[in-house]
């Protein structure tokens, strides 16, 4: 079907979906690029292509363009907005991610996974803020603490102890998933939901 008609959208999307399900996403990407070239408003194709850019090709800029194109076509597309939030998280832009996820939560308050991801981002922001405060306190009181903790022989009783370093927050990895699979580690995953039953079908 693809050889007969280059822009046969259902064939292109279904083939790309099959390749992705078969754990061959890099082989799926060219078909998806061909699909969105001829059908720039194909939302499901853009969702899947964006997932591949994030998880496999590691091109956040390209993924961002996919999701922005979705929102340009359908401003109320929760999945596209959520996945754009993932891009911000992957870049470490936590404030932008919080704003993005807050908007997604308002659009879809019934989606528990969005609220869960919003809480994760807010927790990370709180830890970053706490670290910054501790570092400021550490710098501000460094001279006083040095004098107070120096023994008569000149040794330092706090050697090796650093509250800021011991309280450093662990990195949480956020990734998108091209299917509705269950999360094994909910606190470490941010999945994009591409539902198989919503795929194009040949008529």
C-alpha atoms as a PDB file:
ATOM      1  CA  UNK A   1       0.000   0.000   0.000  1.00  0.00           C
ATOM      2  CA  UNK A   2       2.875   2.389   0.798  1.00  0.00           C
ATOM      3  CA  UNK A   3       4.552   1.768  -2.565  1.00  0.00           C
ATOM      4  CA  UNK A   4       1.312   2.452  -4.442  1.00  0.00           C
ATOM      5  CA  UNK A   5       0.415   5.598  -2.541  1.00  0.00           C
ATOM      6  CA  UNK A   6       3.176   7.422  -0.679  1.00  0.00           C
ATOM      7  CA  UNK A   7       0.835   9.319   1.607  1.00  0.00           C
ATOM      8  CA  UNK A   8      -1.413   6.395   2.573  1.00  0.00           C
ATOM      9  CA  UNK A   9      -1.727   7.527   6.188  1.00  0.00           C
ATOM     10  CA  UNK A  10      -3.248   4.437   7.780  1.00  0.00           C
ATOM     11  CA  UNK A  11      -0.624   2.126   6.296  1.00  0.00           C
ATOM     12  CA  UNK A  12       2.219   4.370   7.390  1.00  0.00           C
ATOM     13  CA  UNK A  13       0.942   4.755  10.928  1.00  0.00           C
ATOM     14  CA  UNK A  14       0.052   1.105  11.430  1.00  0.00           C
ATOM     15  CA  UNK A  15       3.439  -0.032  10.143  1.00  0.00           C
ATOM     16  CA  UNK A  16       5.216   2.405  12.459  1.00  0.00           C
ATOM     17  CA  UNK A  17       3.090   1.230  15.371  1.00  0.00           C
ATOM     18  CA  UNK A  18       3.893  -2.413  14.638  1.00  0.00           C
ATOM     19  CA  UNK A  19       7.616  -1.670  14.486  1.00  0.00           C
ATOM     20  CA  UNK A  20       7.440   0.227  17.764  1.00  0.00           C
ATOM     21  CA  UNK A  21       5.538  -2.591  19.460  1.00  0.00           C
ATOM     22  CA  UNK A  22       8.213  -4.963  18.119  1.00  0.00           C
ATOM     23  CA  UNK A  23      10.844  -2.843  19.916  1.00  0.00           C
ATOM     24  CA  UNK A  24      12.176  -1.400  16.653  1.00  0.00           C
ATOM     25  CA  UNK A  25      11.384   2.297  17.156  1.00  0.00           C
ATOM     26  CA  UNK A  26      14.322   3.584  15.108  1.00  0.00           C
ATOM     27  CA  UNK A  27      12.946   1.721  12.089  1.00  0.00           C
ATOM     28  CA  UNK A  28       9.534   3.245  12.760  1.00  0.00           C
ATOM     29  CA  UNK A  29      10.781   6.842  12.797  1.00  0.00           C
ATOM     30  CA  UNK A  30      11.230   7.239   8.994  1.00  0.00           C
ATOM     31  CA  UNK A  31       7.660   6.082   8.358  1.00  0.00           C
ATOM     32  CA  UNK A  32       6.337   8.497  10.967  1.00  0.00           C
ATOM     33  CA  UNK A  33       8.327  11.362   9.470  1.00  0.00           C
ATOM     34  CA  UNK A  34       6.871  10.497   6.080  1.00  0.00           C
ATOM     35  CA  UNK A  35       3.412  10.388   7.639  1.00  0.00           C
ATOM     36  CA  UNK A  36       3.581  13.803   9.304  1.00  0.00           C
ATOM     37  CA  UNK A  37       5.178  15.297   6.193  1.00  0.00           C
ATOM     38  CA  UNK A  38       2.058  14.508   4.173  1.00  0.00           C
ATOM     39  CA  UNK A  39      -0.369  14.772   7.113  1.00  0.00           C
ATOM     40  CA  UNK A  40       1.041  17.395   9.519  1.00  0.00           C
ATOM     41  CA  UNK A  41      -2.116  17.218  11.635  1.00  0.00           C
ATOM     42  CA  UNK A  42      -1.903  13.461  12.318  1.00  0.00           C
ATOM     43  CA  UNK A  43      -1.983  13.658  16.121  1.00  0.00           C
ATOM     44  CA  UNK A  44      -1.356   9.995  16.912  1.00  0.00           C
ATOM     45  CA  UNK A  45       1.590   9.928  14.529  1.00  0.00           C
ATOM     46  CA  UNK A  46       3.076  13.019  16.176  1.00  0.00           C
ATOM     47  CA  UNK A  47       2.584  11.504  19.632  1.00  0.00           C
ATOM     48  CA  UNK A  48       4.397   8.321  18.656  1.00  0.00           C
ATOM     49  CA  UNK A  49       7.169  10.196  16.852  1.00  0.00           C
ATOM     50  CA  UNK A  50       7.670  12.459  19.859  1.00  0.00           C
ATOM     51  CA  UNK A  51       7.992   9.426  22.132  1.00  0.00           C
ATOM     52  CA  UNK A  52      10.694   7.997  19.884  1.00  0.00           C
ATOM     53  CA  UNK A  53      12.568  11.302  19.815  1.00  0.00           C
ATOM     54  CA  UNK A  54      12.615  11.394  23.626  1.00  0.00           C
ATOM     55  CA  UNK A  55      13.222   7.755  24.499  1.00  0.00           C
ATOM     56  CA  UNK A  56      15.345   6.495  21.620  1.00  0.00           C
ATOM     57  CA  UNK A  57      16.823   9.286  19.498  1.00  0.00           C
ATOM     58  CA  UNK A  58      17.301  11.593  22.510  1.00  0.00           C
ATOM     59  CA  UNK A  59      16.357  14.723  20.572  1.00  0.00           C
ATOM     60  CA  UNK A  60      14.310  16.868  22.941  1.00  0.00           C
ATOM     61  CA  UNK A  61      14.024  19.777  20.497  1.00  0.00           C
ATOM     62  CA  UNK A  62      12.462  17.542  17.847  1.00  0.00           C
ATOM     63  CA  UNK A  63      10.111  16.032  20.422  1.00  0.00           C
ATOM     64  CA  UNK A  64       9.074  19.502  21.565  1.00  0.00           C
ATOM     65  CA  UNK A  65       8.206  20.463  17.984  1.00  0.00           C
ATOM     66  CA  UNK A  66       6.005  17.362  17.658  1.00  0.00           C
ATOM     67  CA  UNK A  67       4.018  18.203  20.780  1.00  0.00           C
ATOM     68  CA  UNK A  68       3.767  21.900  19.940  1.00  0.00           C
ATOM     69  CA  UNK A  69       2.394  20.954  16.533  1.00  0.00           C
ATOM     70  CA  UNK A  70      -0.230  18.792  18.243  1.00  0.00           C
ATOM     71  CA  UNK A  71      -1.293  21.668  20.482  1.00  0.00           C
ATOM     72  CA  UNK A  72      -1.436  23.999  17.482  1.00  0.00           C
ATOM     73  CA  UNK A  73      -3.926  21.612  15.887  1.00  0.00           C
ATOM     74  CA  UNK A  74      -5.774  20.740  19.099  1.00  0.00           C
ATOM     75  CA  UNK A  75      -5.116  23.077  22.029  1.00  0.00           C
ATOM     76  CA  UNK A  76      -7.085  20.800  24.334  1.00  0.00           C
ATOM     77  CA  UNK A  77      -5.050  17.672  23.645  1.00  0.00           C
ATOM     78  CA  UNK A  78      -4.082  16.535  27.148  1.00  0.00           C
ATOM     79  CA  UNK A  79      -1.699  13.837  25.964  1.00  0.00           C
ATOM     80  CA  UNK A  80       0.240  16.239  23.780  1.00  0.00           C
ATOM     81  CA  UNK A  81       0.453  18.785  26.597  1.00  0.00           C
ATOM     82  CA  UNK A  82       1.535  16.159  29.119  1.00  0.00           C
ATOM     83  CA  UNK A  83       4.302  14.946  26.835  1.00  0.00           C
ATOM     84  CA  UNK A  84       5.480  18.518  26.332  1.00  0.00           C
ATOM     85  CA  UNK A  85       5.775  18.691  30.121  1.00  0.00           C
ATOM     86  CA  UNK A  86       8.011  15.613  29.936  1.00  0.00           C
ATOM     87  CA  UNK A  87      10.363  17.515  27.633  1.00  0.00           C
ATOM     88  CA  UNK A  88      10.689  20.275  30.236  1.00  0.00           C
ATOM     89  CA  UNK A  89      11.434  17.727  32.959  1.00  0.00           C
ATOM     90  CA  UNK A  90      14.067  16.019  30.819  1.00  0.00           C
ATOM     91  CA  UNK A  91      15.760  19.392  30.282  1.00  0.00           C
ATOM     92  CA  UNK A  92      15.723  20.092  34.005  1.00  0.00           C
ATOM     93  CA  UNK A  93      13.334  23.033  33.539  1.00  0.00           C
ATOM     94  CA  UNK A  94      11.305  22.194  36.643  1.00  0.00           C
ATOM     95  CA  UNK A  95       9.470  25.520  36.952  1.00  0.00           C
ATOM     96  CA  UNK A  96       8.286  25.265  33.355  1.00  0.00           C
ATOM     97  CA  UNK A  97       7.344  21.633  33.971  1.00  0.00           C
ATOM     98  CA  UNK A  98       5.309  22.568  37.047  1.00  0.00           C
ATOM     99  CA  UNK A  99       3.421  25.259  35.131  1.00  0.00           C
ATOM    100  CA  UNK A 100       2.828  22.847  32.257  1.00  0.00           C
ATOM    101  CA  UNK A 101       1.593  20.012  34.473  1.00  0.00           C
ATOM    102  CA  UNK A 102      -0.614  22.391  36.463  1.00  0.00           C
ATOM    103  CA  UNK A 103      -2.280  23.377  33.204  1.00  0.00           C
ATOM    104  CA  UNK A 104      -2.655  19.733  32.192  1.00  0.00           C
ATOM    105  CA  UNK A 105      -4.189  18.921  35.577  1.00  0.00           C
ATOM    106  CA  UNK A 106      -6.749  21.701  35.163  1.00  0.00           C
ATOM    107  CA  UNK A 107      -7.633  20.350  31.728  1.00  0.00           C
ATOM    108  CA  UNK A 108      -7.946  16.758  32.958  1.00  0.00           C
ATOM    109  CA  UNK A 109      -8.440  16.686  36.749  1.00  0.00           C
ATOM    110  CA  UNK A 110      -9.631  13.067  36.556  1.00  0.00           C
ATOM    111  CA  UNK A 111      -6.279  11.823  35.227  1.00  0.00           C
ATOM    112  CA  UNK A 112      -4.437  10.544  38.297  1.00  0.00           C
ATOM    113  CA  UNK A 113      -1.117  10.119  36.500  1.00  0.00           C
ATOM    114  CA  UNK A 114      -0.931  13.840  35.719  1.00  0.00           C
ATOM    115  CA  UNK A 115      -1.508  14.783  39.359  1.00  0.00           C
ATOM    116  CA  UNK A 116       1.060  12.216  40.450  1.00  0.00           C
ATOM    117  CA  UNK A 117       3.662  13.645  38.081  1.00  0.00           C
ATOM    118  CA  UNK A 118       2.851  17.178  39.217  1.00  0.00           C
ATOM    119  CA  UNK A 119       3.473  16.137  42.831  1.00  0.00           C
ATOM    120  CA  UNK A 120       6.805  14.563  41.849  1.00  0.00           C
ATOM    121  CA  UNK A 121       7.956  17.776  40.163  1.00  0.00           C
ATOM    122  CA  UNK A 122       6.856  19.894  43.133  1.00  0.00           C
ATOM    123  CA  UNK A 123       8.729  17.587  45.489  1.00  0.00           C
ATOM    124  CA  UNK A 124      11.867  18.004  43.414  1.00  0.00           C
ATOM    125  CA  UNK A 125      11.446  21.783  43.381  1.00  0.00           C
ATOM    126  CA  UNK A 126      11.080  21.792  47.169  1.00  0.00           C
ATOM    127  CA  UNK A 127      14.279  19.754  47.545  1.00  0.00           C
ATOM    128  CA  UNK A 128      16.169  22.100  45.243  1.00  0.00           C
ATOM    129  CA  UNK A 129      14.935  25.087  47.253  1.00  0.00           C
ATOM    130  CA  UNK A 130      15.945  23.375  50.493  1.00  0.00           C
ATOM    131  CA  UNK A 131      19.421  22.683  49.133  1.00  0.00           C
ATOM    132  CA  UNK A 132      19.848  26.292  48.073  1.00  0.00           C
ATOM    133  CA  UNK A 133      18.824  27.523  51.522  1.00  0.00           C
ATOM    134  CA  UNK A 134      21.244  25.121  53.193  1.00  0.00           C
ATOM    135  CA  UNK A 135      24.059  26.245  50.911  1.00  0.00           C
ATOM    136  CA  UNK A 136      23.337  29.900  51.668  1.00  0.00           C
ATOM    137  CA  UNK A 137      23.322  29.187  55.393  1.00  0.00           C
ATOM    138  CA  UNK A 138      26.532  27.211  54.998  1.00  0.00           C
ATOM    139  CA  UNK A 139      28.277  30.081  53.222  1.00  0.00           C
ATOM    140  CA  UNK A 140      26.925  32.710  55.608  1.00  0.00           C
ATOM    141  CA  UNK A 141      28.003  30.920  58.770  1.00  0.00           C
ATOM    142  CA  UNK A 142      31.158  29.276  57.478  1.00  0.00           C
ATOM    143  CA  UNK A 143      33.597  31.500  59.334  1.00  0.00           C
ATOM    144  CA  UNK A 144      31.690  31.247  62.621  1.00  0.00           C
ATOM    145  CA  UNK A 145      31.400  27.464  62.391  1.00  0.00           C
ATOM    146  CA  UNK A 146      35.084  27.147  61.533  1.00  0.00           C
ATOM    147  CA  UNK A 147      36.070  29.045  64.643  1.00  0.00           C
ATOM    148  CA  UNK A 148      33.614  27.181  66.865  1.00  0.00           C
ATOM    149  CA  UNK A 149      34.628  23.708  65.703  1.00  0.00           C
ATOM    150  CA  UNK A 150      38.407  24.073  65.774  1.00  0.00           C
ATOM    151  CA  UNK A 151      40.090  22.091  68.554  1.00  0.00           C
ATOM    152  CA  UNK A 152      43.098  23.399  70.485  1.00  0.00           C
ATOM    153  CA  UNK A 153      45.428  21.307  68.336  1.00  0.00           C
ATOM    154  CA  UNK A 154      44.029  22.904  65.173  1.00  0.00           C
ATOM    155  CA  UNK A 155      42.017  19.895  63.971  1.00  0.00           C
ATOM    156  CA  UNK A 156      38.428  20.189  62.735  1.00  0.00           C
ATOM    157  CA  UNK A 157      35.811  18.081  64.532  1.00  0.00           C
ATOM    158  CA  UNK A 158      33.393  18.390  61.569  1.00  0.00           C
ATOM    159  CA  UNK A 159      35.804  16.960  59.011  1.00  0.00           C
ATOM    160  CA  UNK A 160      33.954  14.983  56.361  1.00  0.00           C
ATOM    161  CA  UNK A 161      30.516  16.154  57.468  1.00  0.00           C
ATOM    162  CA  UNK A 162      28.493  18.133  54.958  1.00  0.00           C
ATOM    163  CA  UNK A 163      24.790  18.535  55.571  1.00  0.00           C
ATOM    164  CA  UNK A 164      24.242  19.906  52.089  1.00  0.00           C
ATOM    165  CA  UNK A 165      25.861  16.919  50.427  1.00  0.00           C
ATOM    166  CA  UNK A 166      24.136  14.295  52.567  1.00  0.00           C
ATOM    167  CA  UNK A 167      20.751  15.872  51.918  1.00  0.00           C
ATOM    168  CA  UNK A 168      21.272  16.157  48.156  1.00  0.00           C
ATOM    169  CA  UNK A 169      18.070  14.945  46.448  1.00  0.00           C
ATOM    170  CA  UNK A 170      18.274  11.867  44.274  1.00  0.00           C
ATOM    171  CA  UNK A 171      17.588  12.313  40.587  1.00  0.00           C
ATOM    172  CA  UNK A 172      14.199  11.178  39.396  1.00  0.00           C
ATOM    173  CA  UNK A 173      14.136   9.942  35.821  1.00  0.00           C
ATOM    174  CA  UNK A 174      11.081  10.818  33.756  1.00  0.00           C
ATOM    175  CA  UNK A 175      10.461   8.880  30.554  1.00  0.00           C
ATOM    176  CA  UNK A 176       7.611   8.568  28.113  1.00  0.00           C
ATOM    177  CA  UNK A 177       6.045   5.292  27.109  1.00  0.00           C
ATOM    178  CA  UNK A 178       4.280   4.618  23.782  1.00  0.00           C
ATOM    179  CA  UNK A 179       1.730   2.302  25.370  1.00  0.00           C
ATOM    180  CA  UNK A 180      -0.565   2.083  28.369  1.00  0.00           C
ATOM    181  CA  UNK A 181       1.646  -0.403  30.234  1.00  0.00           C
ATOM    182  CA  UNK A 182       1.513  -0.474  34.010  1.00  0.00           C
ATOM    183  CA  UNK A 183       4.200   1.385  35.914  1.00  0.00           C
ATOM    184  CA  UNK A 184       6.657  -0.787  37.848  1.00  0.00           C
ATOM    185  CA  UNK A 185       8.107   2.253  39.601  1.00  0.00           C
ATOM    186  CA  UNK A 186       5.408   4.962  39.653  1.00  0.00           C
ATOM    187  CA  UNK A 187       7.659   7.505  41.344  1.00  0.00           C
ATOM    188  CA  UNK A 188      10.323   7.209  38.642  1.00  0.00           C
ATOM    189  CA  UNK A 189       8.248   7.244  35.486  1.00  0.00           C
ATOM    190  CA  UNK A 190       6.302   9.779  33.498  1.00  0.00           C
ATOM    191  CA  UNK A 191       4.565   7.945  30.705  1.00  0.00           C
ATOM    192  CA  UNK A 192       2.943   9.243  27.546  1.00  0.00           C
ATOM    193  CA  UNK A 193      -0.235   7.319  26.854  1.00  0.00           C
ATOM    194  CA  UNK A 194      -0.608   6.154  23.288  1.00  0.00           C
ATOM    195  CA  UNK A 195      -3.562   3.758  23.368  1.00  0.00           C
ATOM    196  CA  UNK A 196      -3.405   0.922  20.883  1.00  0.00           C
ATOM    197  CA  UNK A 197      -7.175   0.865  20.475  1.00  0.00           C
ATOM    198  CA  UNK A 198      -7.047   4.434  19.159  1.00  0.00           C
ATOM    199  CA  UNK A 199      -4.805   3.594  16.203  1.00  0.00           C
ATOM    200  CA  UNK A 200      -5.821   4.097  12.590  1.00  0.00           C
ATOM    201  CA  UNK A 201      -7.403   1.084  10.946  1.00  0.00           C
ATOM    202  CA  UNK A 202      -7.545   0.165   7.293  1.00  0.00           C
ATOM    203  CA  UNK A 203     -10.974   0.424   5.736  1.00  0.00           C
END
